[in-house]
Amino acid sequence: MQIGSTLDATILGGPGIVIGLIFGYALAGMTSLNASYRIGLGVIVSFFGGLITSLLFMSEPITTFIAFTVGPFEVLLIIVSYFGGYALGAIANWAPLPEKPPKRHIVYEPEDDDEFDRELEEAMGGSGFKANNS
C-alpha cells in the first residue's frame, strides 16, 4: 500500500517539479525584474500552474490511465511541487540585481558665488560672457 501512494505522489508531483524548474530558471535569470517581482511571479505561476495541472489530472481522458482519484490533498501536493521546482530553478539561475547608478547632485554654497561666476565665464568663452548676478 505504501508503494502505491509513493508512486502516485511521484506521478502527480513530477510534472510540477519539472515545469516549475523551467519557469524558475527562466524568471530568475531576468535582470530587468527586481527580486520582489521574481518572487511574486513565482508564486503566481506556481499556484495557477498547479491548478491547471490538477484539473488536467481530473479530466476524463487522464483519469482512465491513473488508478487513483485526485482530491484536495493531491491538488495541494501538485501546487507545492510547482513551488519546489520554481525554488530549485530560481536558486540555480538567480541573476544579481543591477547596481543603481549613484545619485549625483550639485551643492551650491553662496560664499563661492564669485568663484562660480569666474568658472562659468571661462566655460562660456572668456570675457565676452557676463553672468547675471541678479
N, C-alpha and C. Protein backbone atom coordinates (compact mmCIF):
# COMPACT_ATOMS: atom_id res chain seq x y z
N MET A 1 0.80 -1.19 0.00
CA MET A 1 0.00 0.00 0.00
C MET A 1 0.85 1.26 0.00
N GLN A 2 1.93 1.23 0.75
CA GLN A 2 2.81 2.40 0.81
C GLN A 2 3.48 2.65 -0.55
N ILE A 3 3.82 1.60 -1.27
CA ILE A 3 4.48 1.75 -2.56
C ILE A 3 3.55 2.42 -3.56
N GLY A 4 2.29 2.08 -3.52
CA GLY A 4 1.34 2.69 -4.43
C GLY A 4 1.16 4.17 -4.20
N SER A 5 1.08 4.59 -2.94
CA SER A 5 0.88 6.01 -2.67
C SER A 5 2.14 6.82 -3.01
N THR A 6 3.33 6.22 -2.84
CA THR A 6 4.56 6.90 -3.23
C THR A 6 4.63 7.06 -4.74
N LEU A 7 4.22 6.04 -5.46
CA LEU A 7 4.18 6.12 -6.91
C LEU A 7 3.14 7.14 -7.37
N ASP A 8 2.02 7.20 -6.67
CA ASP A 8 1.00 8.20 -7.01
C ASP A 8 1.54 9.61 -6.80
N ALA A 9 2.26 9.82 -5.70
CA ALA A 9 2.83 11.13 -5.43
C ALA A 9 3.87 11.50 -6.48
N THR A 10 4.62 10.53 -6.94
CA THR A 10 5.61 10.79 -7.98
C THR A 10 4.94 11.15 -9.29
N ILE A 11 3.88 10.44 -9.62
CA ILE A 11 3.16 10.73 -10.85
C ILE A 11 2.56 12.14 -10.79
N LEU A 12 2.03 12.52 -9.66
CA LEU A 12 1.41 13.84 -9.53
C LEU A 12 2.44 14.96 -9.41
N GLY A 13 3.52 14.74 -8.68
CA GLY A 13 4.48 15.81 -8.43
C GLY A 13 5.55 15.97 -9.47
N GLY A 14 5.80 14.96 -10.26
CA GLY A 14 6.87 15.02 -11.26
C GLY A 14 6.72 16.14 -12.28
N PRO A 15 5.56 16.25 -12.94
CA PRO A 15 5.41 17.34 -13.91
C PRO A 15 5.53 18.73 -13.27
N GLY A 16 5.05 18.87 -12.05
CA GLY A 16 5.13 20.17 -11.37
C GLY A 16 6.55 20.57 -11.07
N ILE A 17 7.37 19.60 -10.66
CA ILE A 17 8.77 19.92 -10.37
C ILE A 17 9.50 20.31 -11.65
N VAL A 18 9.28 19.58 -12.72
CA VAL A 18 9.98 19.86 -13.97
C VAL A 18 9.54 21.21 -14.56
N ILE A 19 8.24 21.44 -14.63
CA ILE A 19 7.74 22.69 -15.21
C ILE A 19 8.09 23.87 -14.30
N GLY A 20 7.99 23.69 -12.99
CA GLY A 20 8.39 24.74 -12.06
C GLY A 20 9.87 25.06 -12.16
N LEU A 21 10.69 24.04 -12.38
CA LEU A 21 12.13 24.24 -12.55
C LEU A 21 12.42 25.07 -13.79
N ILE A 22 11.71 24.81 -14.86
CA ILE A 22 11.90 25.58 -16.10
C ILE A 22 11.49 27.03 -15.89
N PHE A 23 10.32 27.26 -15.29
CA PHE A 23 9.88 28.64 -15.05
C PHE A 23 10.80 29.36 -14.07
N GLY A 24 11.23 28.69 -13.03
CA GLY A 24 12.14 29.31 -12.06
C GLY A 24 13.45 29.69 -12.68
N TYR A 25 13.99 28.82 -13.53
CA TYR A 25 15.25 29.10 -14.19
C TYR A 25 15.11 30.30 -15.13
N ALA A 26 13.99 30.36 -15.84
CA ALA A 26 13.80 31.45 -16.81
C ALA A 26 13.53 32.79 -16.12
N LEU A 27 12.66 32.80 -15.13
CA LEU A 27 12.28 34.07 -14.50
C LEU A 27 13.37 34.61 -13.58
N ALA A 28 14.12 33.75 -12.92
CA ALA A 28 15.15 34.23 -12.01
C ALA A 28 16.36 34.78 -12.76
N GLY A 29 16.51 34.47 -14.02
CA GLY A 29 17.61 34.98 -14.81
C GLY A 29 17.34 36.34 -15.43
N MET A 30 16.15 36.85 -15.29
CA MET A 30 15.81 38.16 -15.88
C MET A 30 16.34 39.27 -14.98
N THR A 31 17.28 40.04 -15.50
CA THR A 31 17.83 41.15 -14.72
C THR A 31 16.93 42.38 -14.76
N SER A 32 15.97 42.40 -15.66
CA SER A 32 15.06 43.55 -15.73
C SER A 32 14.03 43.54 -14.61
N LEU A 33 13.85 42.41 -13.94
CA LEU A 33 12.89 42.32 -12.83
C LEU A 33 13.64 42.39 -11.51
N ASN A 34 13.07 43.12 -10.55
CA ASN A 34 13.70 43.12 -9.23
C ASN A 34 13.26 41.88 -8.45
N ALA A 35 13.81 41.70 -7.28
CA ALA A 35 13.61 40.46 -6.53
C ALA A 35 12.14 40.23 -6.16
N SER A 36 11.44 41.27 -5.78
CA SER A 36 10.04 41.07 -5.37
C SER A 36 9.17 40.65 -6.55
N TYR A 37 9.44 41.16 -7.75
CA TYR A 37 8.68 40.73 -8.92
C TYR A 37 8.98 39.28 -9.27
N ARG A 38 10.25 38.88 -9.15
CA ARG A 38 10.60 37.49 -9.44
C ARG A 38 9.91 36.53 -8.49
N ILE A 39 9.91 36.87 -7.22
CA ILE A 39 9.26 36.01 -6.22
C ILE A 39 7.75 36.01 -6.42
N GLY A 40 7.18 37.17 -6.67
CA GLY A 40 5.74 37.26 -6.89
C GLY A 40 5.29 36.50 -8.12
N LEU A 41 6.05 36.61 -9.20
CA LEU A 41 5.72 35.83 -10.39
C LEU A 41 5.84 34.34 -10.13
N GLY A 42 6.79 33.96 -9.30
CA GLY A 42 6.94 32.55 -8.94
C GLY A 42 5.73 32.02 -8.19
N VAL A 43 5.22 32.83 -7.27
CA VAL A 43 4.03 32.42 -6.52
C VAL A 43 2.83 32.28 -7.46
N ILE A 44 2.66 33.24 -8.34
CA ILE A 44 1.52 33.22 -9.26
C ILE A 44 1.62 32.06 -10.23
N VAL A 45 2.79 31.88 -10.83
CA VAL A 45 2.98 30.80 -11.80
C VAL A 45 2.80 29.44 -11.13
N SER A 46 3.33 29.30 -9.94
CA SER A 46 3.22 28.02 -9.24
C SER A 46 1.78 27.70 -8.88
N PHE A 47 1.05 28.69 -8.39
CA PHE A 47 -0.34 28.45 -7.99
C PHE A 47 -1.20 28.09 -9.19
N PHE A 48 -1.14 28.92 -10.23
CA PHE A 48 -2.01 28.66 -11.38
C PHE A 48 -1.54 27.46 -12.18
N GLY A 49 -0.24 27.23 -12.26
CA GLY A 49 0.25 26.03 -12.93
C GLY A 49 -0.19 24.78 -12.22
N GLY A 50 -0.15 24.81 -10.88
CA GLY A 50 -0.61 23.67 -10.11
C GLY A 50 -2.09 23.42 -10.27
N LEU A 51 -2.87 24.49 -10.31
CA LEU A 51 -4.31 24.31 -10.52
C LEU A 51 -4.63 23.75 -11.91
N ILE A 52 -3.94 24.26 -12.91
CA ILE A 52 -4.19 23.76 -14.28
C ILE A 52 -3.79 22.29 -14.39
N THR A 53 -2.64 21.95 -13.82
CA THR A 53 -2.20 20.56 -13.87
C THR A 53 -3.15 19.64 -13.11
N SER A 54 -3.64 20.10 -11.97
CA SER A 54 -4.57 19.26 -11.21
C SER A 54 -5.90 19.11 -11.96
N LEU A 55 -6.32 20.14 -12.66
CA LEU A 55 -7.53 20.00 -13.48
C LEU A 55 -7.30 19.02 -14.63
N LEU A 56 -6.10 19.01 -15.17
CA LEU A 56 -5.79 18.03 -16.21
C LEU A 56 -5.84 16.60 -15.66
N PHE A 57 -5.33 16.41 -14.43
CA PHE A 57 -5.38 15.08 -13.83
C PHE A 57 -6.81 14.68 -13.47
N MET A 58 -7.71 15.64 -13.33
CA MET A 58 -9.11 15.33 -13.03
C MET A 58 -9.95 15.14 -14.29
N SER A 59 -9.41 15.46 -15.46
CA SER A 59 -10.18 15.37 -16.69
C SER A 59 -10.35 13.91 -17.11
N GLU A 60 -11.30 13.68 -17.93
CA GLU A 60 -11.73 12.33 -18.28
C GLU A 60 -10.67 11.49 -19.00
N PRO A 61 -9.95 11.98 -19.99
CA PRO A 61 -9.01 11.05 -20.65
C PRO A 61 -7.87 10.60 -19.72
N ILE A 62 -7.43 11.44 -18.83
CA ILE A 62 -6.30 11.07 -17.98
C ILE A 62 -6.76 10.18 -16.82
N THR A 63 -7.96 10.38 -16.32
CA THR A 63 -8.43 9.55 -15.20
C THR A 63 -8.56 8.08 -15.57
N THR A 64 -8.68 7.77 -16.86
CA THR A 64 -8.74 6.36 -17.25
C THR A 64 -7.37 5.69 -17.16
N PHE A 65 -6.28 6.49 -17.19
CA PHE A 65 -4.93 5.92 -17.15
C PHE A 65 -4.36 5.82 -15.73
N ILE A 66 -4.88 6.60 -14.80
CA ILE A 66 -4.36 6.54 -13.44
C ILE A 66 -5.34 5.78 -12.56
N ALA A 67 -4.83 5.11 -11.54
CA ALA A 67 -5.65 4.22 -10.72
C ALA A 67 -6.11 4.88 -9.44
N PHE A 68 -6.01 6.18 -9.32
CA PHE A 68 -6.39 6.88 -8.08
C PHE A 68 -7.18 8.13 -8.45
N THR A 69 -7.89 8.65 -7.49
CA THR A 69 -8.64 9.88 -7.71
C THR A 69 -7.86 11.06 -7.16
N VAL A 70 -8.03 12.19 -7.79
CA VAL A 70 -7.33 13.40 -7.37
C VAL A 70 -8.27 14.20 -6.49
N GLY A 71 -7.90 14.34 -5.23
CA GLY A 71 -8.68 15.09 -4.26
C GLY A 71 -7.96 16.36 -3.83
N PRO A 72 -8.43 16.99 -2.76
CA PRO A 72 -7.81 18.24 -2.30
C PRO A 72 -6.36 18.07 -1.85
N PHE A 73 -6.04 16.95 -1.22
CA PHE A 73 -4.66 16.72 -0.80
C PHE A 73 -3.73 16.60 -2.00
N GLU A 74 -4.17 15.93 -3.02
CA GLU A 74 -3.36 15.77 -4.22
C GLU A 74 -3.18 17.09 -4.96
N VAL A 75 -4.24 17.92 -4.98
CA VAL A 75 -4.12 19.25 -5.59
C VAL A 75 -3.08 20.07 -4.85
N LEU A 76 -3.10 20.02 -3.52
CA LEU A 76 -2.11 20.73 -2.72
C LEU A 76 -0.70 20.19 -2.99
N LEU A 77 -0.58 18.89 -3.16
CA LEU A 77 0.71 18.29 -3.49
C LEU A 77 1.23 18.80 -4.83
N ILE A 78 0.37 18.92 -5.81
CA ILE A 78 0.79 19.40 -7.13
C ILE A 78 1.24 20.86 -7.05
N ILE A 79 0.50 21.70 -6.32
CA ILE A 79 0.87 23.11 -6.20
C ILE A 79 2.20 23.25 -5.46
N VAL A 80 2.39 22.47 -4.41
CA VAL A 80 3.65 22.52 -3.66
C VAL A 80 4.81 22.02 -4.52
N SER A 81 4.57 21.05 -5.38
CA SER A 81 5.64 20.58 -6.27
C SER A 81 6.04 21.68 -7.26
N TYR A 82 5.09 22.48 -7.71
CA TYR A 82 5.43 23.62 -8.56
C TYR A 82 6.28 24.63 -7.79
N PHE A 83 5.89 24.91 -6.53
CA PHE A 83 6.69 25.82 -5.71
C PHE A 83 8.11 25.30 -5.53
N GLY A 84 8.23 24.02 -5.25
CA GLY A 84 9.56 23.43 -5.08
C GLY A 84 10.40 23.48 -6.34
N GLY A 85 9.79 23.18 -7.46
CA GLY A 85 10.51 23.26 -8.74
C GLY A 85 10.92 24.68 -9.06
N TYR A 86 10.03 25.63 -8.79
CA TYR A 86 10.37 27.03 -9.05
C TYR A 86 11.53 27.47 -8.15
N ALA A 87 11.50 27.07 -6.90
CA ALA A 87 12.59 27.44 -5.98
C ALA A 87 13.92 26.86 -6.45
N LEU A 88 13.93 25.61 -6.88
CA LEU A 88 15.16 25.00 -7.37
C LEU A 88 15.68 25.71 -8.62
N GLY A 89 14.79 26.03 -9.54
CA GLY A 89 15.19 26.74 -10.75
C GLY A 89 15.68 28.15 -10.47
N ALA A 90 15.02 28.82 -9.52
CA ALA A 90 15.43 30.18 -9.18
C ALA A 90 16.79 30.19 -8.50
N ILE A 91 17.05 29.23 -7.64
CA ILE A 91 18.35 29.15 -6.99
C ILE A 91 19.45 28.83 -8.00
N ALA A 92 19.13 28.02 -8.98
CA ALA A 92 20.13 27.63 -9.97
C ALA A 92 20.53 28.77 -10.89
N ASN A 93 19.63 29.73 -11.13
CA ASN A 93 19.93 30.77 -12.12
C ASN A 93 19.60 32.16 -11.62
N TRP A 94 19.75 32.44 -10.34
CA TRP A 94 19.41 33.77 -9.82
C TRP A 94 20.43 34.78 -10.33
N ALA A 95 19.96 35.74 -11.10
CA ALA A 95 20.83 36.79 -11.62
C ALA A 95 20.89 37.93 -10.61
N PRO A 96 22.08 38.44 -10.34
CA PRO A 96 22.17 39.55 -9.40
C PRO A 96 21.47 40.79 -9.95
N LEU A 97 20.93 41.56 -9.03
CA LEU A 97 20.23 42.77 -9.45
C LEU A 97 21.24 43.80 -9.94
N PRO A 98 20.90 44.55 -10.99
CA PRO A 98 21.84 45.56 -11.47
C PRO A 98 22.00 46.67 -10.44
N GLU A 99 23.24 47.17 -10.34
CA GLU A 99 23.51 48.23 -9.38
C GLU A 99 22.91 49.54 -9.89
N LYS A 100 22.33 50.26 -8.98
CA LYS A 100 21.75 51.54 -9.34
C LYS A 100 22.87 52.58 -9.43
N PRO A 101 22.78 53.46 -10.42
CA PRO A 101 23.83 54.50 -10.52
C PRO A 101 23.73 55.45 -9.33
N PRO A 102 24.87 55.97 -8.90
CA PRO A 102 24.83 56.90 -7.76
C PRO A 102 24.10 58.18 -8.12
N LYS A 103 23.41 58.72 -7.15
CA LYS A 103 22.70 59.97 -7.38
C LYS A 103 23.70 61.12 -7.32
N ARG A 104 23.77 61.85 -8.40
CA ARG A 104 24.69 62.96 -8.47
C ARG A 104 23.90 64.25 -8.25
N HIS A 105 24.48 65.12 -7.46
CA HIS A 105 23.83 66.39 -7.20
C HIS A 105 24.89 67.46 -6.98
N ILE A 106 24.48 68.68 -7.16
CA ILE A 106 25.37 69.82 -7.00
C ILE A 106 24.96 70.57 -5.75
N VAL A 107 25.94 70.86 -4.93
CA VAL A 107 25.68 71.65 -3.74
C VAL A 107 26.19 73.06 -4.02
N TYR A 108 25.28 74.00 -4.00
CA TYR A 108 25.64 75.40 -4.25
C TYR A 108 25.75 76.11 -2.92
N GLU A 109 26.93 76.65 -2.66
CA GLU A 109 27.16 77.41 -1.45
C GLU A 109 27.29 78.88 -1.82
N PRO A 110 26.55 79.76 -1.19
CA PRO A 110 26.55 81.19 -1.57
C PRO A 110 27.92 81.86 -1.43
N GLU A 111 28.79 81.39 -0.54
CA GLU A 111 30.08 82.06 -0.40
C GLU A 111 31.01 81.79 -1.58
N ASP A 112 30.71 80.79 -2.42
CA ASP A 112 31.52 80.51 -3.61
C ASP A 112 30.96 81.21 -4.85
N ASP A 113 30.17 82.23 -4.69
CA ASP A 113 29.49 82.89 -5.80
C ASP A 113 30.47 83.49 -6.80
N ASP A 114 31.50 84.18 -6.31
CA ASP A 114 32.46 84.82 -7.23
C ASP A 114 33.27 83.78 -7.99
N GLU A 115 33.68 82.74 -7.32
CA GLU A 115 34.44 81.68 -7.99
C GLU A 115 33.57 80.96 -9.01
N PHE A 116 32.30 80.74 -8.67
CA PHE A 116 31.37 80.10 -9.59
C PHE A 116 31.17 80.95 -10.84
N ASP A 117 31.02 82.26 -10.67
CA ASP A 117 30.85 83.15 -11.82
C ASP A 117 32.10 83.14 -12.70
N ARG A 118 33.28 83.11 -12.08
CA ARG A 118 34.53 83.10 -12.85
C ARG A 118 34.64 81.80 -13.65
N GLU A 119 34.32 80.67 -13.05
CA GLU A 119 34.38 79.39 -13.76
C GLU A 119 33.35 79.34 -14.89
N LEU A 120 32.20 79.93 -14.65
CA LEU A 120 31.16 79.98 -15.68
C LEU A 120 31.59 80.83 -16.85
N GLU A 121 32.23 81.98 -16.57
CA GLU A 121 32.73 82.84 -17.65
C GLU A 121 33.80 82.14 -18.47
N GLU A 122 34.69 81.40 -17.79
CA GLU A 122 35.73 80.68 -18.52
C GLU A 122 35.13 79.57 -19.38
N ALA A 123 34.12 78.92 -18.88
CA ALA A 123 33.49 77.83 -19.61
C ALA A 123 32.71 78.34 -20.82
N MET A 124 32.18 79.56 -20.74
CA MET A 124 31.36 80.10 -21.83
C MET A 124 32.18 80.85 -22.85
N GLY A 125 33.48 80.95 -22.67
CA GLY A 125 34.29 81.53 -23.73
C GLY A 125 35.02 82.80 -23.36
N GLY A 126 35.27 83.05 -22.14
CA GLY A 126 36.11 84.19 -21.78
C GLY A 126 35.32 85.39 -21.31
N SER A 127 35.83 86.57 -21.63
CA SER A 127 35.28 87.80 -21.06
C SER A 127 34.04 88.28 -21.81
N GLY A 128 33.69 87.70 -22.95
CA GLY A 128 32.52 88.15 -23.69
C GLY A 128 31.22 87.80 -23.01
N PHE A 129 31.23 86.84 -22.12
CA PHE A 129 30.04 86.43 -21.40
C PHE A 129 30.09 86.96 -20.00
N LYS A 130 29.04 87.58 -19.54
CA LYS A 130 28.97 88.10 -18.19
C LYS A 130 27.78 87.45 -17.49
N ALA A 131 28.03 86.86 -16.33
CA ALA A 131 26.95 86.18 -15.57
C ALA A 131 26.00 87.19 -15.00
N ASN A 132 24.72 86.85 -14.99
CA ASN A 132 23.70 87.72 -14.44
C ASN A 132 23.60 87.42 -12.95
N ASN A 133 24.00 88.36 -12.12
CA ASN A 133 24.03 88.16 -10.66
C ASN A 133 22.78 88.72 -9.97
N SER A 134 21.71 88.89 -10.66
CA SER A 134 20.53 89.45 -10.01
C SER A 134 19.64 88.41 -9.39
